C-alpha atoms as a PDB file:
ATOM      1  CA  MET A   1     -20.772 -19.118  -9.912  1.00  0.00           C
ATOM      2  CA  ARG A   2     -19.215 -18.215  -6.590  1.00  0.00           C
ATOM      3  CA  THR A   3     -18.868 -14.577  -5.574  1.00  0.00           C
ATOM      4  CA  LEU A   4     -15.769 -13.576  -3.629  1.00  0.00           C
ATOM      5  CA  ILE A   5     -15.587 -10.391  -1.569  1.00  0.00           C
ATOM      6  CA  PHE A   6     -12.427  -8.483  -2.539  1.00  0.00           C
ATOM      7  CA  GLY A   7     -11.207  -5.642  -0.352  1.00  0.00           C
ATOM      8  CA  TYR A   8      -8.862  -3.122  -1.923  1.00  0.00           C
ATOM      9  CA  SER A   9      -8.209   0.588  -1.658  1.00  0.00           C
ATOM     10  CA  PRO A  10      -9.766   3.423  -3.687  1.00  0.00           C
ATOM     11  CA  CYS A  11      -6.274   4.609  -4.633  1.00  0.00           C
ATOM     12  CA  PRO A  12      -5.555   4.875  -8.373  1.00  0.00           C
ATOM     13  CA  ASN A  13      -3.099   1.991  -8.428  1.00  0.00           C
ATOM     14  CA  ASP A  14      -5.740  -0.431  -7.128  1.00  0.00           C
ATOM     15  CA  THR A  15      -8.672   0.821  -9.180  1.00  0.00           C
ATOM     16  CA  PHE A  16      -6.431   0.772 -12.270  1.00  0.00           C
ATOM     17  CA  ALA A  17      -5.092  -2.737 -11.599  1.00  0.00           C
ATOM     18  CA  PHE A  18      -8.364  -4.389 -10.558  1.00  0.00           C
ATOM     19  CA  HIS A  19     -10.806  -2.567 -12.851  1.00  0.00           C
ATOM     20  CA  ALA A  20     -10.916  -5.409 -15.368  1.00  0.00           C
ATOM     21  CA  LEU A  21     -11.552  -8.051 -12.710  1.00  0.00           C
ATOM     22  CA  ALA A  22     -14.217  -5.936 -11.008  1.00  0.00           C
ATOM     23  CA  HIS A  23     -16.015  -5.396 -14.312  1.00  0.00           C
ATOM     24  CA  GLY A  24     -15.853  -8.939 -15.660  1.00  0.00           C
ATOM     25  CA  LEU A  25     -13.376  -8.157 -18.419  1.00  0.00           C
ATOM     26  CA  VAL A  26     -11.110 -11.131 -17.713  1.00  0.00           C
ATOM     27  CA  ASP A  27     -11.996 -14.812 -17.571  1.00  0.00           C
ATOM     28  CA  ALA A  28     -12.493 -16.195 -14.070  1.00  0.00           C
ATOM     29  CA  PRO A  29     -14.526 -19.038 -12.555  1.00  0.00           C
ATOM     30  CA  PHE A  30     -15.909 -16.588  -9.993  1.00  0.00           C
ATOM     31  CA  THR A  31     -17.204 -13.049  -9.708  1.00  0.00           C
ATOM     32  CA  ILE A  32     -16.071 -10.479  -7.174  1.00  0.00           C
ATOM     33  CA  GLU A  33     -17.855  -8.044  -4.942  1.00  0.00           C
ATOM     34  CA  PRO A  34     -15.439  -5.117  -4.444  1.00  0.00           C
ATOM     35  CA  VAL A  35     -15.216  -3.350  -1.078  1.00  0.00           C
ATOM     36  CA  LEU A  36     -13.035  -0.239  -1.259  1.00  0.00           C
ATOM     37  CA  LEU A  37     -11.479   0.886   2.015  1.00  0.00           C
ATOM     38  CA  ASP A  38      -8.409   2.709   3.323  1.00  0.00           C
ATOM     39  CA  ILE A  39      -5.433   0.367   3.629  1.00  0.00           C
ATOM     40  CA  GLU A  40      -5.312   0.533   7.420  1.00  0.00           C
ATOM     41  CA  GLU A  41      -9.003  -0.358   7.598  1.00  0.00           C
ATOM     42  CA  LEU A  42      -8.284  -3.351   5.376  1.00  0.00           C
ATOM     43  CA  ASN A  43      -5.436  -4.324   7.708  1.00  0.00           C
ATOM     44  CA  ARG A  44      -7.762  -4.170  10.709  1.00  0.00           C
ATOM     45  CA  ARG A  45     -10.586  -6.068   9.062  1.00  0.00           C
ATOM     46  CA  ALA A  46      -8.187  -8.873   8.163  1.00  0.00           C
ATOM     47  CA  HIS A  47      -7.885  -9.809  11.833  1.00  0.00           C
ATOM     48  CA  ASP A  48     -11.456 -11.103  11.589  1.00  0.00           C
ATOM     49  CA  GLY A  49     -11.006 -12.627   8.146  1.00  0.00           C
ATOM     50  CA  ALA A  50     -13.631 -10.227   6.834  1.00  0.00           C
ATOM     51  CA  PHE A  51     -12.933 -10.655   3.100  1.00  0.00           C
ATOM     52  CA  ASP A  52     -12.184 -13.621   0.869  1.00  0.00           C
ATOM     53  CA  LEU A  53      -9.505 -11.557  -0.887  1.00  0.00           C
ATOM     54  CA  THR A  54      -7.877  -8.447   0.473  1.00  0.00           C
ATOM     55  CA  LYS A  55      -5.071  -6.032  -0.064  1.00  0.00           C
ATOM     56  CA  LEU A  56      -2.839  -5.898   3.011  1.00  0.00           C
ATOM     57  CA  SER A  57       0.175  -3.900   4.069  1.00  0.00           C
ATOM     58  CA  VAL A  58       3.267  -6.068   4.328  1.00  0.00           C
ATOM     59  CA  GLY A  59       3.542  -4.557   7.801  1.00  0.00           C
ATOM     60  CA  ALA A  60       0.321  -6.391   8.712  1.00  0.00           C
ATOM     61  CA  PHE A  61       1.315  -9.817   7.412  1.00  0.00           C
ATOM     62  CA  ALA A  62       2.784 -11.160  10.639  1.00  0.00           C
ATOM     63  CA  ALA A  63      -0.388 -10.447  12.598  1.00  0.00           C
ATOM     64  CA  VAL A  64      -2.747 -12.202  10.159  1.00  0.00           C
ATOM     65  CA  GLY A  65      -0.511 -14.918   8.735  1.00  0.00           C
ATOM     66  CA  ASP A  66      -2.783 -17.632  10.101  1.00  0.00           C
ATOM     67  CA  ARG A  67      -5.812 -16.198   8.278  1.00  0.00           C
ATOM     68  CA  TYR A  68      -4.421 -15.129   4.894  1.00  0.00           C
ATOM     69  CA  ARG A  69      -1.953 -16.326   2.282  1.00  0.00           C
ATOM     70  CA  LEU A  70      -0.031 -14.018  -0.057  1.00  0.00           C
ATOM     71  CA  LEU A  71      -0.732 -14.274  -3.784  1.00  0.00           C
ATOM     72  CA  ARG A  72       2.050 -13.721  -6.296  1.00  0.00           C
ATOM     73  CA  SER A  73      -0.034 -11.253  -8.333  1.00  0.00           C
ATOM     74  CA  GLY A  74      -1.376  -7.816  -7.449  1.00  0.00           C
ATOM     75  CA  ALA A  75       1.457  -6.685  -5.173  1.00  0.00           C
ATOM     76  CA  ALA A  76       2.707  -3.132  -4.712  1.00  0.00           C
ATOM     77  CA  LEU A  77       6.477  -2.962  -4.399  1.00  0.00           C
ATOM     78  CA  GLY A  78       9.458  -1.690  -6.283  1.00  0.00           C
ATOM     79  CA  LYS A  79      12.243   0.859  -6.337  1.00  0.00           C
ATOM     80  CA  GLY A  80      11.601   4.459  -5.402  1.00  0.00           C
ATOM     81  CA  VAL A  81       8.136   3.765  -4.019  1.00  0.00           C
ATOM     82  CA  GLY A  82       8.719   4.157  -0.299  1.00  0.00           C
ATOM     83  CA  PRO A  83       6.910   6.342   2.240  1.00  0.00           C
ATOM     84  CA  LEU A  84       8.331   9.704   3.298  1.00  0.00           C
ATOM     85  CA  VAL A  85       8.640  11.609   6.554  1.00  0.00           C
ATOM     86  CA  VAL A  86       7.907  15.308   6.062  1.00  0.00           C
ATOM     87  CA  ALA A  87       8.052  18.380   8.289  1.00  0.00           C
ATOM     88  CA  ARG A  88       7.521  22.143   8.087  1.00  0.00           C
ATOM     89  CA  ALA A  89      11.269  22.849   7.954  1.00  0.00           C
ATOM     90  CA  PRO A  90      14.372  20.930   6.864  1.00  0.00           C
ATOM     91  CA  MET A  91      15.641  18.737   9.696  1.00  0.00           C
ATOM     92  CA  SER A  92      17.180  15.384  10.489  1.00  0.00           C
ATOM     93  CA  LEU A  93      15.092  12.317  11.215  1.00  0.00           C
ATOM     94  CA  GLU A  94      16.300  12.436  14.808  1.00  0.00           C
ATOM     95  CA  ALA A  95      15.017  15.988  15.179  1.00  0.00           C
ATOM     96  CA  ALA A  96      11.738  15.105  13.496  1.00  0.00           C
ATOM     97  CA  ILE A  97      10.877  12.316  15.919  1.00  0.00           C
ATOM     98  CA  ALA A  98      12.172  14.157  18.995  1.00  0.00           C
ATOM     99  CA  GLY A  99      10.376  17.453  18.445  1.00  0.00           C
ATOM    100  CA  GLY A 100       6.802  16.333  19.031  1.00  0.00           C
ATOM    101  CA  PRO A 101       4.166  13.920  17.791  1.00  0.00           C
ATOM    102  CA  VAL A 102       4.568  12.266  14.408  1.00  0.00           C
ATOM    103  CA  ALA A 103       1.386  11.547  12.469  1.00  0.00           C
ATOM    104  CA  ILE A 104       1.282   8.011  11.062  1.00  0.00           C
ATOM    105  CA  PRO A 105      -1.235   6.394   8.690  1.00  0.00           C
ATOM    106  CA  GLY A 106      -1.728   3.339  10.920  1.00  0.00           C
ATOM    107  CA  ARG A 107       0.260   1.032  13.169  1.00  0.00           C
ATOM    108  CA  GLU A 108      -0.038  -1.914  10.803  1.00  0.00           C
ATOM    109  CA  THR A 109       1.056  -0.063   7.690  1.00  0.00           C
ATOM    110  CA  THR A 110       4.329  -0.905   6.037  1.00  0.00           C
ATOM    111  CA  ALA A 111       5.216   2.768   6.349  1.00  0.00           C
ATOM    112  CA  TYR A 112       5.080   2.612  10.140  1.00  0.00           C
ATOM    113  CA  ARG A 113       7.086  -0.602  10.232  1.00  0.00           C
ATOM    114  CA  LEU A 114       9.789   0.988   8.081  1.00  0.00           C
ATOM    115  CA  LEU A 115       9.846   4.090  10.270  1.00  0.00           C
ATOM    116  CA  ARG A 116      10.226   2.012  13.416  1.00  0.00           C
ATOM    117  CA  LEU A 117      13.158   0.201  11.823  1.00  0.00           C
ATOM    118  CA  ALA A 118      14.825   3.439  10.739  1.00  0.00           C
ATOM    119  CA  ALA A 119      14.033   5.276  13.995  1.00  0.00           C
ATOM    120  CA  PRO A 120      13.681   2.709  16.811  1.00  0.00           C
ATOM    121  CA  SER A 121      13.535   5.446  19.457  1.00  0.00           C
ATOM    122  CA  LEU A 122      10.237   6.768  18.062  1.00  0.00           C
ATOM    123  CA  THR A 123       7.548   6.855  20.759  1.00  0.00           C
ATOM    124  CA  ASP A 124       5.281   9.861  20.206  1.00  0.00           C
ATOM    125  CA  THR A 125       2.841   9.089  17.394  1.00  0.00           C
ATOM    126  CA  VAL A 126      -0.689  10.039  16.404  1.00  0.00           C
ATOM    127  CA  GLU A 127      -2.739   7.893  14.029  1.00  0.00           C
ATOM    128  CA  LEU A 128      -4.511   9.785  11.248  1.00  0.00           C
ATOM    129  CA  ARG A 129      -6.048   8.687   7.981  1.00  0.00           C
ATOM    130  CA  TYR A 130      -3.325   9.008   5.364  1.00  0.00           C
ATOM    131  CA  ASP A 131      -5.030  11.841   3.460  1.00  0.00           C
ATOM    132  CA  ARG A 132      -5.224  14.054   6.570  1.00  0.00           C
ATOM    133  CA  ILE A 133      -1.560  13.929   7.501  1.00  0.00           C
ATOM    134  CA  LEU A 134      -0.220  16.670   5.227  1.00  0.00           C
ATOM    135  CA  ARG A 135      -2.730  19.192   6.556  1.00  0.00           C
ATOM    136  CA  ALA A 136      -1.980  18.209  10.152  1.00  0.00           C
ATOM    137  CA  VAL A 137       1.736  18.828   9.607  1.00  0.00           C
ATOM    138  CA  ALA A 138       1.186  22.092   7.719  1.00  0.00           C
ATOM    139  CA  ASP A 139      -1.173  23.378  10.429  1.00  0.00           C
ATOM    140  CA  GLY A 140       1.261  22.516  13.229  1.00  0.00           C
ATOM    141  CA  ALA A 141      -1.044  19.942  14.823  1.00  0.00           C
ATOM    142  CA  VAL A 142       1.865  17.468  14.675  1.00  0.00           C
ATOM    143  CA  HIS A 143       5.611  17.977  14.401  1.00  0.00           C
ATOM    144  CA  ALA A 144       6.132  15.664  11.423  1.00  0.00           C
ATOM    145  CA  GLY A 145       4.183  13.248   9.285  1.00  0.00           C
ATOM    146  CA  LEU A 146       4.682   9.837   7.737  1.00  0.00           C
ATOM    147  CA  ILE A 147       3.080   9.995   4.297  1.00  0.00           C
ATOM    148  CA  ILE A 148       2.054   7.364   1.765  1.00  0.00           C
ATOM    149  CA  HIS A 149       0.202   7.083  -1.549  1.00  0.00           C
ATOM    150  CA  GLU A 150      -0.204  10.269  -3.583  1.00  0.00           C
ATOM    151  CA  SER A 151       1.003  12.491  -0.740  1.00  0.00           C
ATOM    152  CA  ARG A 152       4.572  11.920  -1.910  1.00  0.00           C
ATOM    153  CA  PHE A 153       3.693  13.933  -5.028  1.00  0.00           C
ATOM    154  CA  THR A 154       1.900  16.808  -3.257  1.00  0.00           C
ATOM    155  CA  TYR A 155       3.681  17.501   0.047  1.00  0.00           C
ATOM    156  CA  ALA A 156       5.644  20.409  -1.409  1.00  0.00           C
ATOM    157  CA  ASP A 157       2.356  22.096  -2.330  1.00  0.00           C
ATOM    158  CA  HIS A 158       1.725  22.337   1.419  1.00  0.00           C
ATOM    159  CA  GLY A 159       5.074  24.052   2.008  1.00  0.00           C
ATOM    160  CA  LEU A 160       6.561  20.917   3.587  1.00  0.00           C
ATOM    161  CA  HIS A 161      10.050  19.449   3.377  1.00  0.00           C
ATOM    162  CA  LYS A 162      11.205  15.866   3.013  1.00  0.00           C
ATOM    163  CA  VAL A 163      13.016  14.588   6.095  1.00  0.00           C
ATOM    164  CA  ILE A 164      13.731  11.073   4.817  1.00  0.00           C
ATOM    165  CA  ASP A 165      12.635   8.771   2.028  1.00  0.00           C
ATOM    166  CA  LEU A 166      12.195   5.460   3.825  1.00  0.00           C
ATOM    167  CA  GLY A 167      12.253   3.626   0.508  1.00  0.00           C
ATOM    168  CA  ASP A 168      15.740   4.925  -0.212  1.00  0.00           C
ATOM    169  CA  TRP A 169      16.747   3.970   3.327  1.00  0.00           C
ATOM    170  CA  TRP A 170      15.398   0.425   2.906  1.00  0.00           C
ATOM    171  CA  GLU A 171      17.061  -0.021  -0.479  1.00  0.00           C
ATOM    172  CA  ARG A 172      20.427   1.109   0.897  1.00  0.00           C
ATOM    173  CA  GLU A 173      20.095  -1.213   3.899  1.00  0.00           C
ATOM    174  CA  THR A 174      18.938  -4.305   2.008  1.00  0.00           C
ATOM    175  CA  SER A 175      19.514  -3.878  -1.756  1.00  0.00           C
ATOM    176  CA  LEU A 176      15.931  -5.124  -2.122  1.00  0.00           C
ATOM    177  CA  PRO A 177      12.778  -3.497  -3.505  1.00  0.00           C
ATOM    178  CA  VAL A 178      10.410  -1.850  -1.034  1.00  0.00           C
ATOM    179  CA  PRO A 179       7.578  -4.274  -0.226  1.00  0.00           C
ATOM    180  CA  LEU A 180       4.545  -2.088   0.447  1.00  0.00           C
ATOM    181  CA  ALA A 181       1.504  -4.338   0.085  1.00  0.00           C
ATOM    182  CA  GLY A 182       0.204  -7.556  -1.397  1.00  0.00           C
ATOM    183  CA  ILE A 183      -3.045  -9.259  -2.293  1.00  0.00           C
ATOM    184  CA  CYS A 184      -3.916 -12.101   0.022  1.00  0.00           C
ATOM    185  CA  ALA A 185      -6.485 -14.894  -0.118  1.00  0.00           C
ATOM    186  CA  ARG A 186      -8.156 -16.151   3.004  1.00  0.00           C
ATOM    187  CA  ALA A 187      -6.547 -19.388   4.093  1.00  0.00           C
ATOM    188  CA  ASP A 188      -9.807 -21.348   3.950  1.00  0.00           C
ATOM    189  CA  LEU A 189     -10.114 -20.925   0.158  1.00  0.00           C
ATOM    190  CA  ASP A 190      -9.291 -24.200  -1.536  1.00  0.00           C
ATOM    191  CA  ALA A 191      -6.119 -24.500  -3.562  1.00  0.00           C
ATOM    192  CA  ASP A 192      -7.855 -24.566  -6.962  1.00  0.00           C
ATOM    193  CA  MET A 193      -9.804 -21.392  -6.221  1.00  0.00           C
ATOM    194  CA  THR A 194      -6.697 -19.653  -4.878  1.00  0.00           C
ATOM    195  CA  THR A 195      -4.827 -20.507  -8.082  1.00  0.00           C
ATOM    196  CA  ALA A 196      -7.714 -19.218 -10.196  1.00  0.00           C
ATOM    197  CA  VAL A 197      -7.789 -15.973  -8.204  1.00  0.00           C
ATOM    198  CA  GLU A 198      -4.067 -15.457  -8.675  1.00  0.00           C
ATOM    199  CA  GLN A 199      -4.385 -16.006 -12.416  1.00  0.00           C
ATOM    200  CA  ALA A 200      -7.391 -13.675 -12.697  1.00  0.00           C
ATOM    201  CA  ILE A 201      -5.663 -10.877 -10.798  1.00  0.00           C
ATOM    202  CA  ARG A 202      -2.600 -11.224 -13.007  1.00  0.00           C
ATOM    203  CA  ALA A 203      -4.860 -11.077 -16.071  1.00  0.00           C
ATOM    204  CA  SER A 204      -6.544  -7.954 -14.683  1.00  0.00           C
ATOM    205  CA  VAL A 205      -3.202  -6.199 -14.208  1.00  0.00           C
ATOM    206  CA  GLN A 206      -2.111  -7.196 -17.707  1.00  0.00           C
ATOM    207  CA  TYR A 207      -5.415  -5.907 -19.110  1.00  0.00           C
ATOM    208  CA  ALA A 208      -4.750  -2.588 -17.367  1.00  0.00           C
ATOM    209  CA  PHE A 209      -1.318  -2.371 -18.980  1.00  0.00           C
ATOM    210  CA  ASP A 210      -2.735  -3.295 -22.402  1.00  0.00           C
ATOM    211  CA  HIS A 211      -5.787  -0.976 -22.155  1.00  0.00           C
ATOM    212  CA  PRO A 212      -4.702   1.923 -19.908  1.00  0.00           C
ATOM    213  CA  GLU A 213      -7.663   4.119 -20.892  1.00  0.00           C
ATOM    214  CA  ALA A 214     -10.307   1.516 -20.054  1.00  0.00           C
ATOM    215  CA  SER A 215     -10.220   2.204 -16.324  1.00  0.00           C
ATOM    216  CA  ARG A 216     -10.084   6.002 -16.544  1.00  0.00           C
ATOM    217  CA  GLU A 217     -13.629   6.678 -15.315  1.00  0.00           C
ATOM    218  CA  TYR A 218     -13.385   4.051 -12.570  1.00  0.00           C
ATOM    219  CA  VAL A 219     -10.093   5.495 -11.351  1.00  0.00           C
ATOM    220  CA  ARG A 220     -11.386   9.066 -11.430  1.00  0.00           C
ATOM    221  CA  ALA A 221     -14.603   8.112  -9.618  1.00  0.00           C
ATOM    222  CA  HIS A 222     -12.592   6.988  -6.597  1.00  0.00           C
ATOM    223  CA  ALA A 223      -9.689   9.442  -6.772  1.00  0.00           C
ATOM    224  CA  GLN A 224     -11.482  12.147  -4.751  1.00  0.00           C
ATOM    225  CA  GLU A 225      -9.830  15.483  -5.543  1.00  0.00           C
ATOM    226  CA  MET A 226      -6.644  14.053  -7.018  1.00  0.00           C
ATOM    227  CA  SER A 227      -5.594  15.707 -10.264  1.00  0.00           C
ATOM    228  CA  PRO A 228      -5.278  13.603 -13.441  1.00  0.00           C
ATOM    229  CA  GLU A 229      -1.520  14.269 -13.382  1.00  0.00           C
ATOM    230  CA  VAL A 230      -1.137  12.944  -9.835  1.00  0.00           C
ATOM    231  CA  CYS A 231      -3.326   9.941 -10.690  1.00  0.00           C
ATOM    232  CA  ALA A 232      -1.029   9.121 -13.592  1.00  0.00           C
ATOM    233  CA  GLN A 233       2.090   9.499 -11.431  1.00  0.00           C
ATOM    234  CA  HIS A 234       0.533   7.328  -8.748  1.00  0.00           C
ATOM    235  CA  ILE A 235      -0.287   4.524 -11.159  1.00  0.00           C
ATOM    236  CA  ALA A 236       3.093   4.661 -12.897  1.00  0.00           C
ATOM    237  CA  LEU A 237       4.909   4.414  -9.563  1.00  0.00           C
ATOM    238  CA  TYR A 238       2.971   1.655  -7.849  1.00  0.00           C
ATOM    239  CA  VAL A 239       1.793  -0.613 -10.679  1.00  0.00           C
ATOM    240  CA  ASN A 240       4.793  -2.321 -12.243  1.00  0.00           C
ATOM    241  CA  GLU A 241       6.252  -5.719 -13.088  1.00  0.00           C
ATOM    242  CA  HIS A 242       5.928  -6.802  -9.455  1.00  0.00           C
ATOM    243  CA  SER A 243       2.166  -6.329  -9.768  1.00  0.00           C
ATOM    244  CA  LEU A 244       2.091  -9.100 -12.375  1.00  0.00           C
ATOM    245  CA  ASP A 245       4.320 -11.376 -10.322  1.00  0.00           C
ATOM    246  CA  VAL A 246       5.967 -10.459  -7.058  1.00  0.00           C
ATOM    247  CA  GLY A 247       9.084 -12.368  -8.133  1.00  0.00           C
ATOM    248  CA  ASP A 248      11.742 -14.059  -6.066  1.00  0.00           C
ATOM    249  CA  GLN A 249      13.373 -10.757  -5.138  1.00  0.00           C
ATOM    250  CA  GLY A 250      10.010  -9.412  -4.049  1.00  0.00           C
ATOM    251  CA  LEU A 251       9.360 -12.455  -1.893  1.00  0.00           C
ATOM    252  CA  ALA A 252      12.788 -12.018  -0.334  1.00  0.00           C
ATOM    253  CA  ALA A 253      12.012  -8.367   0.416  1.00  0.00           C
ATOM    254  CA  ILE A 254       8.695  -9.290   2.042  1.00  0.00           C
ATOM    255  CA  ALA A 255      10.308 -11.987   4.166  1.00  0.00           C
ATOM    256  CA  ARG A 256      13.062  -9.573   5.219  1.00  0.00           C
ATOM    257  CA  LEU A 257      10.629  -6.862   6.284  1.00  0.00           C
ATOM    258  CA  VAL A 258       8.278  -9.213   8.123  1.00  0.00           C
ATOM    259  CA  SER A 259      11.115 -10.791  10.090  1.00  0.00           C
ATOM    260  CA  ALA A 260      12.968  -7.523  10.719  1.00  0.00           C
ATOM    261  CA  GLY A 261       9.834  -5.794  11.898  1.00  0.00           C
ATOM    262  CA  ARG A 262       8.485  -8.327  14.356  1.00  0.00           C
ATOM    263  CA  ASP A 263       7.071  -6.771  17.498  1.00  0.00           C
ATOM    264  CA  PRO A 264       7.761  -3.181  16.463  1.00  0.00           C
END
């Protein structure tokens, strides 16, 4: 049986959704070898076609479209799931990007693409791993920060204020869900295998919905210092009906963001 290397993040939404596939709990004509990496590292590795299957930011799709093809299952998108810009004091987005460097979680992230669309005059940025941005803003190392993942639930604990919810901005501009990330198969996988992968990922997500306690230890093992409450919020926000099937509206949202964000 063929083994496919599958790159996804250690975030609770991914470990929850792909636990069953990683542990052989759903039928598939292949096995997987998981490689868990930060989303921006996955985006970078995709340029070399490093993994057979990989999670990718929608913001990275344009750059690797010749190497990978989007699957309809496993995506992260929806309403109210967008990245935030935060700062030490209440201020406008214009003030946030003009007052000094803005920490970003990577230039190929969907978050950065959305920020560039909302604030095209942005020039002063510093790349940091997503889980270091809140501290950098709180300590004054940067003027503002673009946050993703569980940071949207914890920024207030650092004494920070929301400047803008880029998901709300996108939804107002487009009336579409926010397309954060998708699971992609390398383009050289044959059509039958790609179909089997898509079906197995969908089955894994459905298993997670049907057996939410089954992945608890796997999720906690990769959640670092995240509290159980934040883990639960994270999963509830990012794993939804679009994770089973991206849907026509989801595909429209992805196409809109990829085309709107070309050459940011």
